[in-house]
Protein backbone atom coordinates (compact mmCIF):
# COMPACT_ATOMS: atom_id res chain seq x y z
CA MET A 1 -8.37 -12.97 -11.84
CA GLU A 2 -10.55 -15.58 -13.59
CA GLU A 3 -12.59 -12.76 -15.13
CA GLY A 4 -9.38 -11.20 -16.43
CA THR A 5 -8.34 -14.40 -18.19
CA LYS A 6 -11.75 -14.52 -19.88
CA ARG A 7 -11.30 -11.02 -21.28
CA LEU A 8 -7.84 -11.95 -22.53
CA GLN A 9 -9.42 -14.98 -24.25
CA ALA A 10 -7.10 -17.28 -22.29
CA HIS A 11 -9.57 -18.69 -19.82
CA VAL A 12 -8.09 -20.31 -16.69
CA SER A 13 -10.37 -21.67 -13.95
CA SER A 14 -10.15 -20.34 -10.40
CA ASP A 15 -9.19 -23.82 -9.11
CA ASP A 16 -6.13 -23.87 -11.36
CA ILE A 17 -5.19 -20.34 -10.27
CA ILE A 18 -5.49 -21.17 -6.55
CA HIS A 19 -3.44 -24.36 -7.00
CA ALA A 20 -0.69 -22.40 -8.76
CA GLU A 21 -0.71 -19.66 -6.11
CA LEU A 22 -0.38 -22.18 -3.28
CA ARG A 23 2.61 -23.79 -5.00
CA LEU A 24 4.15 -20.33 -5.45
CA LEU A 25 3.65 -19.46 -1.77
CA ALA A 26 5.19 -22.77 -0.72
CA GLY A 27 8.16 -22.14 -3.00
CA VAL A 28 8.93 -18.73 -1.48
CA HIS A 29 8.29 -20.06 2.08
CA SER A 30 5.39 -17.66 2.76
CA ASP A 31 2.38 -18.15 5.00
CA LEU A 32 -1.12 -16.71 4.67
CA MET A 33 -1.62 -16.52 8.45
CA CYS A 34 -2.44 -12.98 9.58
CA PHE A 35 -1.58 -11.79 13.10
CA HIS A 36 -3.63 -8.92 14.50
CA PRO A 37 -3.87 -7.25 17.95
CA PHE A 38 -7.38 -8.55 18.73
CA LYS A 39 -6.11 -12.02 19.62
CA THR A 40 -3.34 -10.40 21.66
CA VAL A 41 -5.90 -8.54 23.79
CA LEU A 42 -7.80 -11.78 24.41
CA ALA A 43 -4.59 -13.64 25.27
CA TYR A 44 -3.43 -10.95 27.72
CA THR A 45 -6.88 -10.89 29.37
CA GLU A 46 -6.86 -14.66 29.93
CA ASP A 47 -3.26 -14.62 31.17
CA LEU A 48 -4.01 -11.67 33.46
CA ARG A 49 -6.98 -13.49 34.99
CA THR A 50 -4.78 -16.50 35.78
CA TYR A 51 -1.90 -14.36 37.01
CA LEU A 52 -4.01 -12.29 39.44
CA LYS A 53 -5.20 -15.47 41.17
CA SER A 54 -1.62 -16.47 41.98
CA LYS A 55 0.35 -15.37 45.04
CA ALA A 56 2.67 -13.17 42.98
CA GLY A 57 -0.24 -11.62 41.08
CA SER A 58 -2.19 -10.64 44.17
CA SER A 59 0.29 -7.81 44.76
CA ALA A 60 -0.71 -6.29 41.40
CA ILE A 61 -4.28 -5.70 42.64
CA ILE A 62 -4.70 -2.25 44.18
CA SER A 63 -7.33 -2.41 46.91
CA HIS A 64 -10.13 0.12 47.07
CA GLU A 65 -10.21 2.62 49.92
CA GLY A 66 -13.43 3.00 51.85
CA PRO A 67 -14.92 6.25 53.18
CA ASP A 68 -13.03 5.76 56.43
CA GLY A 69 -9.70 5.62 54.57
CA LYS A 70 -9.12 1.91 55.23
CA LYS A 71 -8.22 -0.37 52.35
CA ALA A 72 -10.65 -3.15 51.55
CA PRO A 73 -9.29 -6.68 51.09
CA ALA A 74 -8.27 -7.54 47.54
CA PRO A 75 -11.21 -9.12 45.66
CA ILE A 76 -11.09 -12.49 43.96
CA VAL A 77 -10.74 -11.61 40.30
CA SER A 78 -13.06 -13.36 37.86
CA GLY A 79 -13.26 -13.17 34.08
CA GLU A 80 -16.31 -10.89 34.21
CA MET A 81 -14.43 -8.37 36.35
CA LEU A 82 -11.83 -8.01 33.58
CA ARG A 83 -14.46 -7.58 30.87
CA PRO A 84 -14.41 -3.72 31.01
CA ILE A 85 -10.64 -3.69 30.37
CA HIS A 86 -11.01 -6.21 27.55
CA ASP A 87 -13.90 -4.36 25.87
CA ASP A 88 -12.22 -0.94 26.08
CA ALA A 89 -8.93 -2.35 24.80
CA TRP A 90 -10.84 -3.98 21.92
CA LYS A 91 -12.29 -0.58 20.92
CA ILE A 92 -8.83 0.99 21.02
CA VAL A 93 -7.44 -1.76 18.79
CA ASP A 94 -10.39 -1.27 16.43
CA ASP A 95 -9.27 2.34 15.94
CA ALA A 96 -5.60 1.38 15.67
CA CYS A 97 -6.21 -1.18 12.92
CA VAL A 98 -7.65 1.48 10.57
CA SER A 99 -4.64 3.74 11.10
CA ASP A 100 -0.91 3.67 10.40
CA ILE A 101 -0.16 2.24 13.86
CA PRO A 102 0.11 -1.42 12.63
CA LEU A 103 2.83 -0.26 10.21
CA LEU A 104 4.89 1.15 13.09
CA TYR A 105 4.44 -1.47 15.83
CA THR A 106 3.90 -5.23 16.12
CA PRO A 107 0.48 -6.75 16.99
CA GLY A 108 1.79 -7.82 20.42
CA GLN A 109 2.95 -4.29 21.26
CA ILE A 110 -0.35 -2.79 20.08
CA GLY A 111 -2.43 -5.26 22.12
CA LEU A 112 -0.41 -4.69 25.29
CA ALA A 113 -0.50 -0.90 24.90
CA ALA A 114 -4.27 -1.06 24.36
CA MET A 115 -4.65 -2.98 27.63
CA ILE A 116 -2.51 -0.43 29.50
CA LEU A 117 -4.39 2.51 28.00
CA ALA A 118 -7.79 0.93 28.73
CA ASN A 119 -6.75 0.30 32.34
CA GLU A 120 -5.57 3.91 32.74
CA GLU A 121 -8.82 5.29 31.31
CA LEU A 122 -10.89 3.07 33.61
CA GLU A 123 -8.91 4.32 36.63
CA GLU A 124 -9.46 7.94 35.58
CA ASN A 125 -13.21 7.37 35.16
CA ARG A 126 -13.32 5.50 38.47
CA ALA A 127 -11.60 8.39 40.26
CA LYS A 128 -14.11 10.88 38.82
CA GLU A 129 -17.05 8.69 39.88
CA GLU A 130 -15.65 8.24 43.39
CA LYS A 131 -15.16 11.99 43.74
CA ALA A 132 -18.72 12.68 42.58
CA LYS A 133 -20.18 10.05 44.93
CA LEU A 134 -18.12 11.38 47.84
CA GLU A 135 -19.55 14.85 47.28
CA ALA A 136 -23.08 13.44 46.96
CA THR A 137 -22.88 11.34 50.15
CA VAL A 138 -21.80 14.13 52.50
CA ASN A 139 -25.23 14.30 54.15
CA ILE A 140 -25.78 10.53 54.21
CA PRO A 141 -25.14 8.69 57.55
CA THR A 142 -21.72 7.05 57.75
CA GLU A 143 -22.99 3.49 58.30
CA SER A 144 -25.24 3.42 55.22
CA ALA A 145 -22.53 5.09 53.11
CA THR A 146 -19.97 2.49 54.21
CA LYS A 147 -22.34 -0.37 53.43
CA ASP A 148 -23.16 0.96 49.96
CA GLU A 149 -19.50 1.58 49.24
CA ALA A 150 -18.60 -1.99 50.23
CA ASP A 151 -21.33 -3.45 47.98
CA GLU A 152 -20.20 -1.38 44.99
CA ALA A 153 -16.52 -2.20 45.59
CA SER A 154 -17.28 -5.92 45.39
CA GLN A 155 -18.87 -5.48 41.95
CA ARG A 156 -16.45 -2.99 40.37
CA PRO A 157 -13.45 -4.11 38.29
CA PRO A 158 -10.29 -4.07 40.41
CA LYS A 159 -7.50 -1.55 40.06
CA ILE A 160 -4.61 -3.37 38.44
CA ASP A 161 -0.97 -2.38 38.25
CA LEU A 162 -0.28 -3.60 34.72
CA HIS A 163 3.30 -2.36 34.77
CA SER A 164 4.17 -4.78 37.60
CA TYR A 165 2.34 -7.52 35.68
CA VAL A 166 4.54 -6.87 32.62
CA LYS A 167 7.71 -6.89 34.74
CA ASN A 168 6.80 -10.21 36.34
CA ARG A 169 5.69 -11.88 33.12
CA PHE A 170 8.85 -10.78 31.29
CA ARG A 171 11.23 -11.10 34.21
CA GLY A 172 13.60 -13.24 32.12
CA ARG A 173 14.52 -10.20 30.02
CA SER A 174 17.43 -7.91 30.76
CA ALA A 175 17.08 -4.48 32.34
CA LYS A 176 17.86 -2.85 28.99
CA GLU A 177 15.05 -4.75 27.27
CA HIS A 178 12.61 -3.73 30.02
CA THR A 179 13.60 -0.09 29.57
CA ILE A 180 13.07 -0.31 25.81
CA LEU A 181 9.67 -1.99 26.30
CA GLU A 182 8.54 0.62 28.83
CA GLN A 183 9.53 3.44 26.47
CA GLN A 184 7.71 1.76 23.60
CA MET A 185 4.55 1.47 25.70
CA VAL A 186 4.78 5.15 26.70
CA ASP A 187 5.18 6.25 23.06
CA LEU A 188 2.51 3.88 21.76
CA THR A 189 -0.13 4.76 24.37
CA LYS A 190 0.50 8.44 23.65
CA ASP A 191 -0.04 7.84 19.92
CA MET A 192 -3.20 5.80 20.57
CA LYS A 193 -4.72 8.64 22.58
CA ASP A 194 -4.42 10.83 19.48
CA LEU A 195 -6.35 8.39 17.25
CA ALA A 196 -9.68 9.95 18.28
CA SER A 197 -8.52 13.24 16.77
CA GLY A 198 -7.94 11.55 13.39
CA ARG A 199 -4.15 11.33 13.62
CA PHE A 200 -2.10 8.58 11.94
CA GLY A 201 -4.78 8.27 9.26
CA CYS A 202 -7.35 6.73 11.61
CA GLY A 203 -10.37 6.04 9.40
CA ASN A 204 -12.90 5.99 12.25
CA TYR A 205 -12.54 9.71 12.92
CA GLY A 206 -12.05 12.95 11.03
CA ILE A 207 -13.23 11.81 7.60
CA ASP A 208 -13.64 14.75 5.21
CA MET A 209 -16.74 13.74 3.22
CA ALA A 210 -16.21 16.53 0.67
CA LYS A 211 -12.77 15.16 -0.27
CA LEU A 212 -14.13 11.61 -0.24
CA LYS A 213 -16.85 12.53 -2.75
CA ILE A 214 -14.28 14.07 -5.11
CA VAL A 215 -12.19 10.88 -5.00
CA HIS A 216 -15.31 8.79 -5.58
CA LYS A 217 -16.22 10.79 -8.70
CA LYS A 218 -12.71 10.36 -10.09
CA LEU A 219 -12.84 6.61 -9.53
CA LYS A 220 -16.18 6.37 -11.32
CA LYS A 221 -14.65 8.03 -14.37
CA CYS A 222 -11.69 5.66 -14.35
CA LYS A 223 -12.33 2.80 -16.79
CA ALA A 224 -10.18 0.39 -14.82
CA TRP A 225 -12.71 0.46 -11.97
CA GLY A 226 -15.79 0.10 -14.18
CA ASP A 227 -17.35 -2.85 -15.93
CA GLN A 228 -16.95 -2.45 -19.68
CA GLU A 229 -19.84 -4.80 -20.42
CA LEU A 230 -22.12 -2.79 -18.12
CA ALA A 231 -21.08 0.46 -19.79
CA SER A 232 -21.71 -0.96 -23.27
CA GLY A 233 -25.12 -2.19 -22.08
CA LYS A 234 -26.07 1.35 -21.09
CA LYS A 235 -25.08 2.62 -24.54
CA LYS A 236 -27.25 -0.05 -26.18
CA LYS A 237 -30.21 0.98 -24.02
CA ARG A 238 -29.78 4.59 -25.11
CA LYS A 239 -29.77 3.53 -28.77
CA ARG A 240 -32.91 1.47 -28.24
CA LYS A 241 -34.67 4.45 -26.67
CA SER A 242 -33.79 6.64 -29.65
CA ASN A 243 -35.10 3.95 -32.04
CA ASP A 244 -38.32 3.62 -30.08
CA ASN A 245 -38.88 7.36 -30.27
CA SER A 246 -38.45 7.29 -34.06
CA GLU A 247 -41.01 4.49 -34.38
CA ASP A 248 -43.53 6.55 -32.38
CA GLY A 249 -43.39 9.27 -35.05
CA GLU A 250 -40.58 11.34 -33.64
CA THR A 251 -37.88 11.60 -36.26
CA PRO A 252 -34.42 12.04 -34.79
CA GLN A 253 -32.58 15.11 -35.97
CA LYS A 254 -30.08 14.31 -38.68
CA LYS A 255 -26.98 16.32 -39.31
CA SER A 256 -26.78 17.87 -42.76
CA ASN A 257 -24.18 16.48 -45.12
CA PRO A 258 -22.50 19.03 -47.41
CA HIS A 259 -22.19 16.35 -50.15
CA ASP A 260 -25.93 15.72 -50.24
CA THR A 261 -27.59 17.14 -53.39
CA GLU A 262 -30.96 18.72 -53.36
């Protein structure tokens, strides 16, 4: 903006511009604070860690089943055990933020849906790993298999029923509000699964480089996006090169003038 005032020969310093903009924002009761889903994911992770340690939250932990079919006791949940859910939800939000999803849902809804989707994907991957290990440990003695399974279960992130967590944390809401929230989470998680295919304008996937190059060429030709001083400098350099060539003995070709007399 300061550069624009210079070109208009009505120079205004950036300090004066910022001071005027702040007064304008205060006058229209606006705030420059930006809310995004990343902080929501962090807040839900911290709240979930505290909740799972409580008596009510212990019921949201789904215990692992050993090879003998017996359920292991619920583990004591630490912050590191929730890191996989947090990191996967963070990646989902990273894709959502470069799509049209933030225009359709609030940051809180996006963060919660990312946590639910990350938890579901972890459970699916866990089920596949358990199936593969079960097939691989058929010929291993039962005692050693049970011991290894118990050691791995103590280190793996717990299975969490996030839907019961949401119901307990928002238990002050009416049944109608819970139904609306559940439907929103179903729709939003479904939309987030499609981000990897480039839907909703997600910029992290499905970029057509051929179309992008065409747009880039058009923008380069647009004077509004170029620096006029830089362009004029290039023209001056070309003129200097032509003058230098004429000084070296190369005479530039001159167009004939019909009014010139012999």
